[in-house]
């Protein structure tokens, strides 16, 4: 099961996974969880618009939509499957622009989608600088507050968007069930697990106190 699949409507989850896996196969993306994490980072896996009018799972902008042969208005009318075909077309175009070099990590895939000029550039590469509208829209990525957003901070952002208990080394590796420790944990499951541990701890403390009192008597 792919990460964050639980964010998709239950009746669409199986088909959504099939579509994501096929897109990644066609685009030579070694780990479909990379795309899931990036879509979560961009939109919480929702077909929604942001403050600058970008839309959908990977936040396609109006100008990018036109480059793909569709208006943003028409894009918003599509089903999730229709949208995903344009997401695939966008990724394929960006890979083509990069001389056919497919992303080798989740970080590179995000660079390719979010800011293609930064694709495969050093960690020190500056994406946005203070004073630009692009910086204003991505100010949250300036973690050290130095007025610049660099590739290293974009990687930090992706790390922060990984699911709880996710093995972050998998952001650099192909999908592999033998070392993939996270299996789509949901918040509810985590809360239940933590609650059980807490209750067991409290019960053990109560038991110890009672046992101590009995011995003392």
N, C-alpha and C. Protein backbone atom coordinates (compact mmCIF):
# COMPACT_ATOMS: atom_id res chain seq x y z
N UNK A 1 0.84 -1.20 0.00
CA UNK A 1 0.00 0.00 0.00
C UNK A 1 0.88 1.25 0.00
N UNK A 2 0.50 2.21 -0.82
CA UNK A 2 1.27 3.45 -0.89
C UNK A 2 1.00 4.35 0.30
N UNK A 3 1.98 5.18 0.65
CA UNK A 3 1.80 6.11 1.74
C UNK A 3 0.72 7.13 1.39
N UNK A 4 0.00 7.57 2.41
CA UNK A 4 -1.05 8.59 2.30
C UNK A 4 -2.22 8.17 1.42
N UNK A 5 -2.30 6.91 1.07
CA UNK A 5 -3.42 6.47 0.24
C UNK A 5 -4.74 6.68 0.97
N UNK A 6 -4.69 6.67 2.30
CA UNK A 6 -5.88 6.90 3.11
C UNK A 6 -6.47 8.29 2.94
N UNK A 7 -5.71 9.23 2.35
CA UNK A 7 -6.24 10.56 2.10
C UNK A 7 -7.17 10.60 0.90
N UNK A 8 -7.15 9.55 0.12
CA UNK A 8 -8.02 9.45 -1.05
C UNK A 8 -9.33 8.80 -0.64
N UNK A 9 -10.43 9.21 -1.29
CA UNK A 9 -11.73 8.61 -0.99
C UNK A 9 -11.63 7.09 -1.06
N UNK A 10 -12.22 6.43 -0.09
CA UNK A 10 -12.06 4.98 0.05
C UNK A 10 -12.40 4.22 -1.22
N UNK A 11 -13.48 4.65 -1.89
CA UNK A 11 -13.92 3.92 -3.08
C UNK A 11 -12.94 4.07 -4.25
N UNK A 12 -12.03 5.06 -4.17
CA UNK A 12 -11.08 5.30 -5.26
C UNK A 12 -9.66 4.84 -4.94
N UNK A 13 -9.43 4.37 -3.73
CA UNK A 13 -8.07 4.10 -3.29
C UNK A 13 -7.35 3.06 -4.15
N UNK A 14 -7.99 1.94 -4.42
CA UNK A 14 -7.33 0.89 -5.20
C UNK A 14 -6.96 1.37 -6.60
N UNK A 15 -7.91 2.04 -7.24
CA UNK A 15 -7.66 2.53 -8.60
C UNK A 15 -6.62 3.64 -8.59
N UNK A 16 -6.65 4.47 -7.57
CA UNK A 16 -5.67 5.56 -7.47
C UNK A 16 -4.26 4.99 -7.38
N UNK A 17 -4.09 3.95 -6.58
CA UNK A 17 -2.77 3.33 -6.46
C UNK A 17 -2.31 2.77 -7.80
N UNK A 18 -3.21 2.13 -8.53
CA UNK A 18 -2.87 1.58 -9.85
C UNK A 18 -2.41 2.70 -10.78
N UNK A 19 -3.14 3.82 -10.78
CA UNK A 19 -2.80 4.95 -11.65
C UNK A 19 -1.45 5.54 -11.28
N UNK A 20 -1.21 5.75 -10.00
CA UNK A 20 0.07 6.32 -9.55
C UNK A 20 1.22 5.40 -9.93
N UNK A 21 1.05 4.12 -9.72
CA UNK A 21 2.12 3.17 -10.05
C UNK A 21 2.39 3.17 -11.55
N UNK A 22 1.36 3.27 -12.36
CA UNK A 22 1.55 3.26 -13.81
C UNK A 22 2.25 4.53 -14.28
N UNK A 23 1.86 5.67 -13.70
CA UNK A 23 2.52 6.93 -14.04
C UNK A 23 4.01 6.85 -13.72
N UNK A 24 4.32 6.34 -12.54
CA UNK A 24 5.73 6.24 -12.13
C UNK A 24 6.49 5.27 -13.03
N UNK A 25 5.84 4.20 -13.42
CA UNK A 25 6.48 3.25 -14.33
C UNK A 25 6.76 3.91 -15.67
N UNK A 26 5.78 4.63 -16.20
CA UNK A 26 5.94 5.28 -17.51
C UNK A 26 6.98 6.39 -17.47
N UNK A 27 7.11 7.04 -16.29
CA UNK A 27 8.07 8.14 -16.15
C UNK A 27 9.41 7.69 -15.59
N UNK A 28 9.54 6.38 -15.39
CA UNK A 28 10.78 5.80 -14.84
C UNK A 28 11.12 6.36 -13.45
N UNK A 29 10.09 6.55 -12.65
CA UNK A 29 10.25 6.97 -11.25
C UNK A 29 10.30 5.71 -10.41
N UNK A 30 11.42 5.48 -9.73
CA UNK A 30 11.68 4.18 -9.11
C UNK A 30 10.82 3.87 -7.89
N UNK A 31 10.23 4.89 -7.27
CA UNK A 31 9.45 4.65 -6.06
C UNK A 31 8.17 5.48 -6.11
N UNK A 32 7.01 4.86 -6.30
CA UNK A 32 5.75 5.61 -6.39
C UNK A 32 5.40 6.35 -5.10
N UNK A 33 5.99 5.94 -3.98
CA UNK A 33 5.75 6.67 -2.74
C UNK A 33 6.34 8.09 -2.79
N UNK A 34 7.38 8.27 -3.61
CA UNK A 34 7.91 9.63 -3.80
C UNK A 34 6.82 10.56 -4.31
N UNK A 35 6.10 10.11 -5.32
CA UNK A 35 5.05 10.94 -5.90
C UNK A 35 3.92 11.17 -4.91
N UNK A 36 3.58 10.15 -4.12
CA UNK A 36 2.53 10.31 -3.12
C UNK A 36 2.92 11.36 -2.08
N UNK A 37 4.15 11.30 -1.60
CA UNK A 37 4.61 12.26 -0.59
C UNK A 37 4.62 13.67 -1.15
N UNK A 38 5.03 13.82 -2.39
CA UNK A 38 5.08 15.15 -3.02
C UNK A 38 3.68 15.69 -3.24
N UNK A 39 2.75 14.85 -3.66
CA UNK A 39 1.38 15.31 -3.83
C UNK A 39 0.78 15.71 -2.48
N UNK A 40 1.14 14.97 -1.45
CA UNK A 40 0.68 15.34 -0.10
C UNK A 40 1.28 16.68 0.32
N UNK A 41 2.58 16.87 0.03
CA UNK A 41 3.25 18.12 0.39
C UNK A 41 2.63 19.31 -0.32
N UNK A 42 2.23 19.11 -1.57
CA UNK A 42 1.69 20.21 -2.38
C UNK A 42 0.22 20.50 -2.09
N UNK A 43 -0.56 19.47 -1.78
CA UNK A 43 -2.02 19.69 -1.71
C UNK A 43 -2.75 18.85 -0.68
N UNK A 44 -2.00 18.12 0.18
CA UNK A 44 -2.64 17.15 1.08
C UNK A 44 -3.45 16.12 0.30
N UNK A 45 -3.02 15.87 -0.93
CA UNK A 45 -3.70 14.93 -1.83
C UNK A 45 -5.17 15.31 -2.03
N UNK A 46 -5.39 16.59 -2.28
CA UNK A 46 -6.72 17.11 -2.54
C UNK A 46 -6.71 17.90 -3.85
N UNK A 47 -7.80 17.84 -4.58
CA UNK A 47 -7.94 18.64 -5.79
C UNK A 47 -8.41 20.03 -5.38
N UNK A 48 -7.47 20.86 -4.96
CA UNK A 48 -7.78 22.20 -4.45
C UNK A 48 -6.87 23.22 -5.15
N UNK A 49 -7.28 24.50 -5.06
CA UNK A 49 -6.49 25.60 -5.61
C UNK A 49 -5.75 26.31 -4.49
N UNK A 50 -4.60 26.89 -4.83
CA UNK A 50 -3.87 27.68 -3.84
C UNK A 50 -4.06 29.17 -4.09
N UNK A 51 -3.34 30.00 -3.38
CA UNK A 51 -3.55 31.45 -3.42
C UNK A 51 -3.18 32.08 -4.77
N UNK A 52 -2.34 31.41 -5.56
CA UNK A 52 -1.97 31.97 -6.87
C UNK A 52 -2.71 31.29 -8.02
N UNK A 53 -3.70 30.46 -7.67
CA UNK A 53 -4.53 29.85 -8.70
C UNK A 53 -4.05 28.52 -9.23
N UNK A 54 -2.94 27.99 -8.67
CA UNK A 54 -2.49 26.66 -9.06
C UNK A 54 -3.48 25.63 -8.51
N UNK A 55 -3.62 24.52 -9.23
CA UNK A 55 -4.70 23.59 -8.89
C UNK A 55 -4.24 22.13 -8.85
N UNK A 56 -4.79 21.41 -7.91
CA UNK A 56 -4.69 19.95 -7.91
C UNK A 56 -3.56 19.35 -7.11
N UNK A 57 -3.41 18.05 -7.28
CA UNK A 57 -2.47 17.29 -6.46
C UNK A 57 -1.04 17.83 -6.52
N UNK A 58 -0.59 18.24 -7.73
CA UNK A 58 0.78 18.77 -7.85
C UNK A 58 0.76 20.27 -8.06
N UNK A 59 -0.41 20.91 -7.90
CA UNK A 59 -0.55 22.36 -8.01
C UNK A 59 -0.04 22.89 -9.36
N UNK A 60 -0.76 22.52 -10.40
CA UNK A 60 -0.47 23.00 -11.75
C UNK A 60 -0.94 24.45 -11.87
N UNK A 61 -0.06 25.34 -12.29
CA UNK A 61 -0.40 26.76 -12.41
C UNK A 61 -1.17 27.00 -13.71
N UNK A 62 -1.87 28.14 -13.81
CA UNK A 62 -2.59 28.47 -15.05
C UNK A 62 -1.69 28.47 -16.28
N UNK A 63 -0.49 29.04 -16.16
CA UNK A 63 0.42 29.08 -17.32
C UNK A 63 0.92 27.68 -17.69
N UNK A 64 1.16 26.87 -16.67
CA UNK A 64 1.61 25.49 -16.94
C UNK A 64 0.49 24.69 -17.60
N UNK A 65 -0.74 24.90 -17.14
CA UNK A 65 -1.89 24.21 -17.75
C UNK A 65 -1.99 24.54 -19.23
N UNK A 66 -1.83 25.82 -19.57
CA UNK A 66 -1.90 26.22 -20.98
C UNK A 66 -0.80 25.55 -21.79
N UNK A 67 0.37 25.39 -21.17
CA UNK A 67 1.46 24.70 -21.84
C UNK A 67 1.16 23.23 -22.10
N UNK A 68 0.24 22.69 -21.31
CA UNK A 68 -0.17 21.29 -21.47
C UNK A 68 -1.38 21.18 -22.38
N UNK A 69 -1.85 22.33 -22.88
CA UNK A 69 -2.97 22.31 -23.82
C UNK A 69 -4.35 22.37 -23.22
N UNK A 70 -4.45 22.89 -21.99
CA UNK A 70 -5.74 22.97 -21.33
C UNK A 70 -5.77 24.22 -20.45
N UNK A 71 -6.93 24.84 -20.30
CA UNK A 71 -7.03 25.99 -19.40
C UNK A 71 -7.18 25.49 -17.97
N UNK A 72 -6.84 26.34 -17.03
CA UNK A 72 -6.98 25.94 -15.63
C UNK A 72 -8.45 25.72 -15.28
N UNK A 73 -9.34 26.47 -15.95
CA UNK A 73 -10.78 26.30 -15.72
C UNK A 73 -11.22 24.91 -16.14
N UNK A 74 -10.76 24.48 -17.31
CA UNK A 74 -11.11 23.14 -17.79
C UNK A 74 -10.46 22.06 -16.93
N UNK A 75 -9.25 22.34 -16.47
CA UNK A 75 -8.55 21.36 -15.63
C UNK A 75 -9.34 21.10 -14.35
N UNK A 76 -9.93 22.16 -13.79
CA UNK A 76 -10.70 22.02 -12.55
C UNK A 76 -11.96 21.18 -12.74
N UNK A 77 -12.42 21.05 -13.97
CA UNK A 77 -13.64 20.30 -14.23
C UNK A 77 -13.39 18.80 -14.37
N UNK A 78 -12.13 18.42 -14.49
CA UNK A 78 -11.80 17.01 -14.73
C UNK A 78 -11.97 16.17 -13.47
N UNK A 79 -12.17 14.89 -13.67
CA UNK A 79 -12.15 13.93 -12.56
C UNK A 79 -10.72 13.78 -12.09
N UNK A 80 -10.53 13.08 -10.97
CA UNK A 80 -9.17 12.87 -10.48
C UNK A 80 -8.33 12.11 -11.50
N UNK A 81 -8.97 11.17 -12.24
CA UNK A 81 -8.23 10.41 -13.24
C UNK A 81 -7.81 11.30 -14.40
N UNK A 82 -8.70 12.20 -14.81
CA UNK A 82 -8.36 13.14 -15.86
C UNK A 82 -7.22 14.06 -15.45
N UNK A 83 -7.28 14.53 -14.20
CA UNK A 83 -6.22 15.40 -13.69
C UNK A 83 -4.88 14.67 -13.69
N UNK A 84 -4.88 13.43 -13.25
CA UNK A 84 -3.63 12.68 -13.14
C UNK A 84 -2.96 12.48 -14.49
N UNK A 85 -3.73 12.45 -15.57
CA UNK A 85 -3.12 12.32 -16.89
C UNK A 85 -2.35 13.59 -17.26
N UNK A 86 -2.86 14.74 -16.81
CA UNK A 86 -2.13 15.99 -17.04
C UNK A 86 -0.93 16.10 -16.11
N UNK A 87 -1.05 15.56 -14.90
CA UNK A 87 0.10 15.51 -14.00
C UNK A 87 1.20 14.67 -14.62
N UNK A 88 0.82 13.55 -15.19
CA UNK A 88 1.78 12.68 -15.87
C UNK A 88 2.43 13.41 -17.04
N UNK A 89 1.61 14.10 -17.85
CA UNK A 89 2.14 14.83 -19.01
C UNK A 89 3.13 15.89 -18.57
N UNK A 90 2.83 16.56 -17.45
CA UNK A 90 3.73 17.59 -16.93
C UNK A 90 5.07 16.99 -16.52
N UNK A 91 5.03 15.90 -15.78
CA UNK A 91 6.27 15.24 -15.33
C UNK A 91 7.08 14.78 -16.54
N UNK A 92 6.40 14.20 -17.53
CA UNK A 92 7.10 13.73 -18.72
C UNK A 92 7.77 14.89 -19.47
N UNK A 93 7.08 16.02 -19.56
CA UNK A 93 7.65 17.19 -20.23
C UNK A 93 8.90 17.69 -19.50
N UNK A 94 8.84 17.70 -18.17
CA UNK A 94 9.98 18.19 -17.40
C UNK A 94 11.17 17.22 -17.53
N UNK A 95 10.90 15.93 -17.56
CA UNK A 95 11.98 14.96 -17.76
C UNK A 95 12.58 15.12 -19.15
N UNK A 96 11.73 15.35 -20.13
CA UNK A 96 12.20 15.59 -21.50
C UNK A 96 13.10 16.81 -21.54
N UNK A 97 12.71 17.88 -20.84
CA UNK A 97 13.51 19.10 -20.78
C UNK A 97 14.87 18.84 -20.12
N UNK A 98 14.91 17.81 -19.25
CA UNK A 98 16.16 17.47 -18.54
C UNK A 98 16.94 16.40 -19.31
N UNK A 99 16.78 16.39 -20.61
CA UNK A 99 17.48 15.44 -21.49
C UNK A 99 17.15 13.99 -21.16
N UNK A 100 15.92 13.79 -20.67
CA UNK A 100 15.46 12.43 -20.42
C UNK A 100 15.96 11.82 -19.13
N UNK A 101 16.60 12.62 -18.28
CA UNK A 101 17.13 12.10 -17.01
C UNK A 101 16.02 12.09 -15.97
N UNK A 102 15.57 10.91 -15.58
CA UNK A 102 14.49 10.77 -14.61
C UNK A 102 15.01 11.01 -13.18
N UNK A 103 14.15 11.45 -12.28
CA UNK A 103 14.55 11.69 -10.88
C UNK A 103 15.05 10.41 -10.22
N UNK A 104 16.09 10.54 -9.42
CA UNK A 104 16.64 9.38 -8.71
C UNK A 104 16.32 9.42 -7.22
N UNK A 105 15.50 10.38 -6.80
CA UNK A 105 15.10 10.48 -5.40
C UNK A 105 13.81 11.28 -5.31
N UNK A 106 13.18 11.23 -4.14
CA UNK A 106 11.98 12.05 -3.92
C UNK A 106 12.33 13.53 -4.01
N UNK A 107 13.52 13.87 -3.54
CA UNK A 107 13.95 15.28 -3.57
C UNK A 107 14.05 15.78 -5.00
N UNK A 108 14.66 14.99 -5.86
CA UNK A 108 14.78 15.39 -7.27
C UNK A 108 13.42 15.47 -7.94
N UNK A 109 12.54 14.55 -7.60
CA UNK A 109 11.19 14.60 -8.18
C UNK A 109 10.49 15.89 -7.76
N UNK A 110 10.67 16.29 -6.51
CA UNK A 110 10.03 17.53 -6.08
C UNK A 110 10.65 18.74 -6.76
N UNK A 111 11.96 18.74 -6.93
CA UNK A 111 12.61 19.83 -7.66
C UNK A 111 12.03 19.93 -9.06
N UNK A 112 11.87 18.79 -9.70
CA UNK A 112 11.36 18.73 -11.07
C UNK A 112 9.95 19.29 -11.16
N UNK A 113 9.12 18.98 -10.17
CA UNK A 113 7.72 19.41 -10.19
C UNK A 113 7.57 20.85 -9.68
N UNK A 114 8.22 21.15 -8.58
CA UNK A 114 8.02 22.44 -7.91
C UNK A 114 8.75 23.59 -8.61
N UNK A 115 10.02 23.35 -9.00
CA UNK A 115 10.84 24.42 -9.58
C UNK A 115 11.87 23.76 -10.49
N UNK A 116 11.47 23.44 -11.73
CA UNK A 116 12.32 22.64 -12.62
C UNK A 116 13.73 23.17 -12.83
N UNK A 117 13.92 24.50 -12.75
CA UNK A 117 15.26 25.06 -12.95
C UNK A 117 16.23 24.55 -11.89
N UNK A 118 15.70 24.19 -10.72
CA UNK A 118 16.56 23.72 -9.62
C UNK A 118 16.87 22.23 -9.70
N UNK A 119 16.34 21.57 -10.71
CA UNK A 119 16.47 20.11 -10.83
C UNK A 119 17.93 19.67 -10.90
N UNK A 120 18.31 18.82 -9.95
CA UNK A 120 19.64 18.22 -9.87
C UNK A 120 20.75 19.26 -9.64
N UNK A 121 20.36 20.42 -9.11
CA UNK A 121 21.34 21.44 -8.76
C UNK A 121 21.86 21.17 -7.35
N UNK A 122 22.99 21.79 -6.95
CA UNK A 122 23.55 21.58 -5.61
C UNK A 122 22.60 22.06 -4.52
N UNK A 123 22.83 21.58 -3.30
CA UNK A 123 21.99 21.98 -2.16
C UNK A 123 22.02 23.49 -1.93
N UNK A 124 23.09 24.14 -2.34
CA UNK A 124 23.23 25.58 -2.12
C UNK A 124 22.50 26.42 -3.17
N UNK A 125 21.93 25.77 -4.17
CA UNK A 125 21.26 26.51 -5.26
C UNK A 125 20.09 27.32 -4.71
N UNK A 126 20.01 28.60 -5.08
CA UNK A 126 18.96 29.50 -4.60
C UNK A 126 17.76 29.47 -5.53
N UNK A 127 16.60 29.09 -4.98
CA UNK A 127 15.37 29.09 -5.76
C UNK A 127 14.70 30.46 -5.73
N UNK A 128 14.59 31.01 -4.52
CA UNK A 128 13.88 32.28 -4.34
C UNK A 128 14.68 33.18 -3.41
N UNK A 129 14.60 34.48 -3.67
CA UNK A 129 15.24 35.46 -2.81
C UNK A 129 14.22 36.46 -2.31
N UNK A 130 14.47 36.98 -1.12
CA UNK A 130 13.57 37.96 -0.51
C UNK A 130 13.38 39.16 -1.43
N UNK A 131 12.13 39.62 -1.50
CA UNK A 131 11.81 40.74 -2.37
C UNK A 131 11.06 40.34 -3.61
N UNK A 132 11.09 39.06 -3.94
CA UNK A 132 10.36 38.56 -5.11
C UNK A 132 9.02 37.99 -4.68
N UNK A 133 8.06 37.99 -5.60
CA UNK A 133 6.75 37.42 -5.30
C UNK A 133 6.86 35.92 -5.07
N UNK A 134 7.80 35.28 -5.78
CA UNK A 134 8.00 33.84 -5.61
C UNK A 134 8.47 33.53 -4.19
N UNK A 135 9.36 34.39 -3.67
CA UNK A 135 9.82 34.20 -2.29
C UNK A 135 8.67 34.38 -1.31
N UNK A 136 7.86 35.40 -1.54
CA UNK A 136 6.71 35.67 -0.65
C UNK A 136 5.78 34.48 -0.59
N UNK A 137 5.58 33.83 -1.75
CA UNK A 137 4.69 32.67 -1.80
C UNK A 137 5.28 31.42 -1.20
N UNK A 138 6.61 31.41 -1.03
CA UNK A 138 7.28 30.21 -0.50
C UNK A 138 8.16 30.54 0.71
N UNK A 139 7.80 31.61 1.41
CA UNK A 139 8.59 32.09 2.54
C UNK A 139 8.74 31.03 3.63
N UNK A 140 7.74 30.18 3.76
CA UNK A 140 7.79 29.15 4.81
C UNK A 140 8.95 28.18 4.61
N UNK A 141 9.48 28.10 3.39
CA UNK A 141 10.60 27.20 3.12
C UNK A 141 11.94 27.79 3.55
N UNK A 142 11.95 29.06 3.89
CA UNK A 142 13.19 29.71 4.34
C UNK A 142 13.38 29.41 5.83
N UNK A 143 13.83 28.22 6.11
CA UNK A 143 13.90 27.74 7.49
C UNK A 143 14.90 28.52 8.35
N UNK A 144 15.99 28.97 7.76
CA UNK A 144 16.98 29.70 8.57
C UNK A 144 16.78 31.22 8.51
N UNK A 145 15.71 31.66 7.83
CA UNK A 145 15.31 33.08 7.79
C UNK A 145 16.44 33.99 7.30
N UNK A 146 17.16 33.55 6.27
CA UNK A 146 18.24 34.37 5.73
C UNK A 146 17.85 35.10 4.45
N UNK A 147 16.56 35.05 4.12
CA UNK A 147 16.07 35.73 2.93
C UNK A 147 16.25 34.97 1.64
N UNK A 148 16.63 33.69 1.75
CA UNK A 148 16.81 32.85 0.56
C UNK A 148 16.21 31.47 0.82
N UNK A 149 15.67 30.87 -0.23
CA UNK A 149 15.24 29.48 -0.18
C UNK A 149 16.17 28.69 -1.08
N UNK A 150 16.88 27.73 -0.51
CA UNK A 150 17.83 26.93 -1.27
C UNK A 150 17.36 25.48 -1.35
N UNK A 151 18.00 24.74 -2.21
CA UNK A 151 17.61 23.34 -2.42
C UNK A 151 17.64 22.53 -1.13
N UNK A 152 18.60 22.80 -0.27
CA UNK A 152 18.70 22.05 0.99
C UNK A 152 17.45 22.26 1.84
N UNK A 153 16.88 23.46 1.80
CA UNK A 153 15.67 23.74 2.58
C UNK A 153 14.45 23.08 1.95
N UNK A 154 14.46 22.95 0.63
CA UNK A 154 13.38 22.24 -0.05
C UNK A 154 13.40 20.77 0.37
N UNK A 155 14.59 20.21 0.50
CA UNK A 155 14.72 18.82 0.97
C UNK A 155 14.21 18.71 2.41
N UNK A 156 14.52 19.70 3.21
CA UNK A 156 14.03 19.72 4.60
C UNK A 156 12.51 19.74 4.64
N UNK A 157 11.93 20.48 3.71
CA UNK A 157 10.46 20.55 3.61
C UNK A 157 9.88 19.17 3.30
N UNK A 158 10.46 18.48 2.34
CA UNK A 158 9.98 17.14 1.99
C UNK A 158 10.12 16.19 3.17
N UNK A 159 11.23 16.27 3.89
CA UNK A 159 11.41 15.45 5.09
C UNK A 159 10.27 15.67 6.08
N UNK A 160 9.87 16.93 6.23
CA UNK A 160 8.82 17.27 7.19
C UNK A 160 7.45 16.76 6.77
N UNK A 161 7.31 16.42 5.50
CA UNK A 161 6.02 15.96 4.99
C UNK A 161 5.91 14.44 4.93
N UNK A 162 6.95 13.75 5.38
CA UNK A 162 6.88 12.29 5.40
C UNK A 162 5.94 11.82 6.50
N UNK A 163 5.29 10.68 6.31
CA UNK A 163 4.40 10.16 7.35
C UNK A 163 5.16 9.81 8.62
N UNK A 164 4.44 9.75 9.72
CA UNK A 164 5.01 9.32 10.98
C UNK A 164 5.58 7.91 10.82
N UNK A 165 6.77 7.70 11.35
CA UNK A 165 7.45 6.40 11.32
C UNK A 165 7.99 6.03 9.93
N UNK A 166 7.92 6.95 8.97
CA UNK A 166 8.44 6.63 7.64
C UNK A 166 9.96 6.58 7.65
N UNK A 167 10.51 5.58 7.01
CA UNK A 167 11.96 5.43 6.90
C UNK A 167 12.44 6.40 5.82
N UNK A 168 13.01 7.54 6.23
CA UNK A 168 13.36 8.59 5.28
C UNK A 168 14.48 8.17 4.32
N UNK A 169 15.19 7.11 4.63
CA UNK A 169 16.19 6.63 3.67
C UNK A 169 15.51 6.18 2.37
N UNK A 170 14.20 5.88 2.46
CA UNK A 170 13.46 5.45 1.27
C UNK A 170 13.20 6.60 0.31
N UNK A 171 13.45 7.82 0.74
CA UNK A 171 13.35 8.96 -0.17
C UNK A 171 14.46 8.93 -1.22
N UNK A 172 15.45 8.08 -0.97
CA UNK A 172 16.60 7.97 -1.87
C UNK A 172 16.68 6.61 -2.55
N UNK A 173 15.71 5.74 -2.28
CA UNK A 173 15.79 4.37 -2.77
C UNK A 173 14.54 3.96 -3.54
N UNK A 174 14.69 2.99 -4.44
CA UNK A 174 13.51 2.41 -5.10
C UNK A 174 12.62 1.74 -4.07
N UNK A 175 11.37 1.56 -4.41
CA UNK A 175 10.44 0.89 -3.50
C UNK A 175 10.92 -0.53 -3.25
N UNK A 176 10.94 -0.93 -1.98
CA UNK A 176 11.43 -2.24 -1.60
C UNK A 176 10.71 -2.69 -0.34
N UNK A 177 9.89 -3.70 -0.45
CA UNK A 177 9.09 -4.13 0.69
C UNK A 177 9.93 -4.67 1.84
N UNK A 178 11.19 -5.06 1.55
CA UNK A 178 12.01 -5.64 2.61
C UNK A 178 12.56 -4.58 3.56
N UNK A 179 12.66 -3.32 3.10
CA UNK A 179 13.15 -2.28 4.01
C UNK A 179 12.22 -1.08 4.04
N UNK A 180 10.97 -1.35 3.78
CA UNK A 180 9.95 -0.29 3.83
C UNK A 180 9.10 -0.52 5.07
N UNK A 181 9.38 0.27 6.10
CA UNK A 181 8.81 0.01 7.42
C UNK A 181 7.43 0.61 7.64
N UNK A 182 7.09 1.60 6.85
CA UNK A 182 5.83 2.31 7.08
C UNK A 182 4.75 1.72 6.20
N UNK A 183 3.63 1.37 6.75
CA UNK A 183 2.54 0.80 5.96
C UNK A 183 1.27 1.62 6.13
N UNK A 184 1.34 2.86 5.64
CA UNK A 184 0.16 3.73 5.60
C UNK A 184 -0.51 3.93 6.95
N UNK A 185 0.30 4.19 7.97
CA UNK A 185 -0.26 4.49 9.29
C UNK A 185 -1.19 5.68 9.19
N UNK A 186 -2.33 5.58 9.82
CA UNK A 186 -3.26 6.70 9.90
C UNK A 186 -3.18 7.30 11.30
N UNK A 187 -3.55 8.56 11.40
CA UNK A 187 -3.47 9.25 12.68
C UNK A 187 -4.25 8.50 13.76
N UNK A 188 -5.41 8.00 13.39
CA UNK A 188 -6.23 7.26 14.35
C UNK A 188 -5.51 6.05 14.90
N UNK A 189 -4.81 5.34 14.02
CA UNK A 189 -4.06 4.16 14.46
C UNK A 189 -2.95 4.54 15.43
N UNK A 190 -2.29 5.64 15.14
CA UNK A 190 -1.21 6.10 16.01
C UNK A 190 -1.75 6.48 17.38
N UNK A 191 -2.87 7.20 17.40
CA UNK A 191 -3.47 7.62 18.66
C UNK A 191 -3.87 6.40 19.50
N UNK A 192 -4.47 5.41 18.85
CA UNK A 192 -4.88 4.19 19.55
C UNK A 192 -3.67 3.48 20.11
N UNK A 193 -2.61 3.37 19.29
CA UNK A 193 -1.40 2.67 19.74
C UNK A 193 -0.77 3.37 20.94
N UNK A 194 -0.65 4.69 20.86
CA UNK A 194 -0.07 5.46 21.96
C UNK A 194 -0.93 5.34 23.20
N UNK A 195 -2.26 5.38 23.02
CA UNK A 195 -3.18 5.28 24.16
C UNK A 195 -3.01 3.94 24.88
N UNK A 196 -2.87 2.87 24.12
CA UNK A 196 -2.69 1.55 24.70
C UNK A 196 -1.40 1.48 25.52
N UNK A 197 -0.33 2.05 24.96
CA UNK A 197 0.96 2.06 25.67
C UNK A 197 0.84 2.84 26.98
N UNK A 198 0.17 4.00 26.92
CA UNK A 198 0.00 4.82 28.12
C UNK A 198 -0.82 4.09 29.17
N UNK A 199 -1.91 3.45 28.75
CA UNK A 199 -2.76 2.72 29.69
C UNK A 199 -2.01 1.56 30.34
N UNK A 200 -1.21 0.87 29.53
CA UNK A 200 -0.42 -0.23 30.08
C UNK A 200 0.58 0.28 31.11
N UNK A 201 1.20 1.43 30.81
CA UNK A 201 2.16 2.03 31.73
C UNK A 201 1.47 2.41 33.05
N UNK A 202 0.31 3.06 32.94
CA UNK A 202 -0.44 3.47 34.13
C UNK A 202 -0.84 2.24 34.95
N UNK A 203 -1.31 1.21 34.26
CA UNK A 203 -1.73 -0.02 34.95
C UNK A 203 -0.55 -0.64 35.68
N UNK A 204 0.61 -0.65 35.04
CA UNK A 204 1.80 -1.24 35.67
C UNK A 204 2.21 -0.44 36.91
N UNK A 205 2.08 0.89 36.85
CA UNK A 205 2.43 1.72 38.00
C UNK A 205 1.48 1.46 39.17
N UNK A 206 0.19 1.33 38.85
CA UNK A 206 -0.82 1.05 39.89
C UNK A 206 -0.55 -0.32 40.51
N UNK A 207 -0.24 -1.29 39.65
CA UNK A 207 0.03 -2.65 40.13
C UNK A 207 1.25 -2.67 41.05
N UNK A 208 2.30 -1.93 40.69
CA UNK A 208 3.51 -1.88 41.50
C UNK A 208 3.23 -1.27 42.88
N UNK A 209 2.42 -0.19 42.91
CA UNK A 209 2.09 0.47 44.16
C UNK A 209 1.30 -0.46 45.08
N UNK A 210 0.34 -1.15 44.50
CA UNK A 210 -0.49 -2.08 45.29
C UNK A 210 0.37 -3.22 45.81
N UNK A 211 1.23 -3.72 44.99
CA UNK A 211 2.12 -4.83 45.37
C UNK A 211 3.05 -4.39 46.51
N UNK A 212 3.53 -3.16 46.41
CA UNK A 212 4.43 -2.60 47.45
C UNK A 212 3.69 -2.49 48.79
N UNK A 213 2.43 -2.03 48.75
CA UNK A 213 1.65 -1.88 49.97
C UNK A 213 1.39 -3.22 50.62
N UNK A 214 1.12 -4.24 49.80
CA UNK A 214 0.84 -5.58 50.34
C UNK A 214 2.09 -6.13 51.03
N UNK A 215 3.25 -5.94 50.40
CA UNK A 215 4.50 -6.41 50.99
C UNK A 215 4.82 -5.67 52.28
N UNK A 216 4.52 -4.38 52.31
CA UNK A 216 4.80 -3.57 53.47
C UNK A 216 3.95 -3.99 54.67
N UNK A 217 2.69 -4.39 54.40
CA UNK A 217 1.81 -4.84 55.48
C UNK A 217 2.29 -6.18 56.02
